[in-house]
Amino acid sequence: MKTKSTRKRHSSAFKAKVGLEALMEIKTVAQIARECSVHPVQVSRWKTVIRERIPDLFESGSKAMEGQEKLVADLHQKIGELTVDLDFLKKKSMQLGL
């Protein structure tokens, strides 16, 4: 009978360290994976995530804030729509005696 193995949960600091080490390409992915006791595919994934997100570190604060402001505006609009819907439904349910 097989015993169920538990999944390892790695901290974000560990993932960053391993991914950055793989990105520097001083050692091979297989060597890093063996040293850190993780699968080579996982090391490659962390390396890819770091490579994709590095440009975001150097974006100006205004671009990041514009995205945040748009998100907040969209959420406020959605809250307004849902409030109107809720008020309408409350009014109709009272009229119908529900």
Protein backbone atom coordinates (compact mmCIF):
# COMPACT_ATOMS: atom_id res chain seq x y z
CA MET A 1 0.00 0.00 0.00
CA LYS A 2 1.32 3.44 -0.97
CA THR A 3 1.65 6.13 1.59
CA LYS A 4 0.50 9.54 0.58
CA SER A 5 3.39 11.98 0.38
CA THR A 6 2.87 15.53 1.46
CA ARG A 7 3.74 18.38 -0.86
CA LYS A 8 6.64 20.57 0.07
CA ARG A 9 5.85 24.25 0.58
CA HIS A 10 8.79 26.46 -0.24
CA SER A 11 9.04 30.05 0.91
CA SER A 12 9.10 32.83 -1.63
CA ALA A 13 12.64 33.70 -0.50
CA PHE A 14 13.78 30.14 -1.24
CA LYS A 15 12.10 30.21 -4.67
CA ALA A 16 13.73 33.55 -5.46
CA LYS A 17 17.16 32.30 -4.38
CA VAL A 18 16.90 29.12 -6.44
CA GLY A 19 15.39 30.87 -9.47
CA LEU A 20 18.01 33.62 -9.41
CA GLU A 21 20.79 31.07 -9.13
CA ALA A 22 19.38 29.30 -12.18
CA LEU A 23 19.04 32.61 -14.03
CA MET A 24 22.74 33.41 -13.45
CA GLU A 25 23.59 30.08 -15.16
CA ILE A 26 26.73 29.46 -13.10
CA LYS A 27 25.50 25.91 -12.44
CA THR A 28 23.14 23.78 -14.50
CA VAL A 29 19.48 23.49 -13.59
CA ALA A 30 20.05 19.83 -12.73
CA GLN A 31 22.87 20.69 -10.31
CA ILE A 32 20.80 23.37 -8.60
CA ALA A 33 17.81 21.02 -8.36
CA ARG A 34 19.92 18.27 -6.83
CA GLU A 35 21.52 20.63 -4.28
CA CYS A 36 18.18 22.14 -3.25
CA SER A 37 16.18 18.88 -3.35
CA VAL A 38 13.62 20.10 -5.87
CA HIS A 39 12.65 18.86 -9.32
CA PRO A 40 14.54 20.42 -12.24
CA VAL A 41 11.26 21.42 -13.89
CA GLN A 42 10.34 23.41 -10.79
CA VAL A 43 13.69 25.22 -10.89
CA SER A 44 13.06 26.10 -14.54
CA ARG A 45 9.59 27.43 -13.70
CA TRP A 46 10.93 29.67 -10.93
CA LYS A 47 13.65 30.87 -13.31
CA THR A 48 11.00 31.77 -15.91
CA VAL A 49 8.86 33.62 -13.36
CA ILE A 50 11.84 35.73 -12.31
CA ARG A 51 12.80 36.45 -15.91
CA GLU A 52 9.25 37.59 -16.72
CA ARG A 53 8.82 39.78 -13.64
CA ILE A 54 12.19 41.55 -13.55
CA PRO A 55 11.05 44.36 -15.90
CA ASP A 56 8.23 45.21 -13.47
CA LEU A 57 10.82 46.11 -10.85
CA PHE A 58 12.06 48.98 -13.00
CA GLU A 59 8.68 50.39 -14.05
CA SER A 60 8.01 53.87 -12.88
CA GLY A 61 5.67 54.20 -9.94
CA SER A 62 3.15 56.18 -12.00
CA LYS A 63 2.50 53.31 -14.41
CA ALA A 64 1.92 50.90 -11.56
CA MET A 65 -0.34 53.42 -9.82
CA GLU A 66 -2.36 53.98 -13.02
CA GLY A 67 -3.15 50.28 -13.13
CA GLN A 68 -4.14 50.32 -9.47
CA GLU A 69 -6.32 53.40 -9.92
CA LYS A 70 -8.11 51.84 -12.90
CA LEU A 71 -8.74 48.68 -10.90
CA VAL A 72 -10.14 50.69 -7.99
CA ALA A 73 -12.38 52.71 -10.34
CA ASP A 74 -13.69 49.52 -11.97
CA LEU A 75 -14.41 47.98 -8.56
CA HIS A 76 -16.25 51.12 -7.40
CA GLN A 77 -18.36 51.00 -10.55
CA LYS A 78 -19.20 47.35 -9.93
CA ILE A 79 -20.12 48.10 -6.30
CA GLY A 80 -22.47 50.84 -7.52
CA GLU A 81 -24.14 48.48 -10.00
CA LEU A 82 -24.59 45.79 -7.37
CA THR A 83 -26.03 48.32 -4.89
CA VAL A 84 -28.61 49.47 -7.45
CA ASP A 85 -29.53 45.85 -8.20
CA LEU A 86 -29.86 45.03 -4.50
CA ASP A 87 -32.06 48.07 -3.84
CA PHE A 88 -34.28 47.15 -6.79
CA LEU A 89 -34.65 43.56 -5.62
CA LYS A 90 -35.43 44.63 -2.04
CA LYS A 91 -38.11 47.02 -3.31
CA LYS A 92 -39.70 44.39 -5.57
CA SER A 93 -39.64 41.72 -2.87
CA MET A 94 -41.41 44.08 -0.48
CA GLN A 95 -44.02 44.85 -3.15
CA LEU A 96 -44.63 41.15 -3.69
CA GLY A 97 -44.71 40.47 0.05
CA LEU A 98 -41.73 38.14 0.08
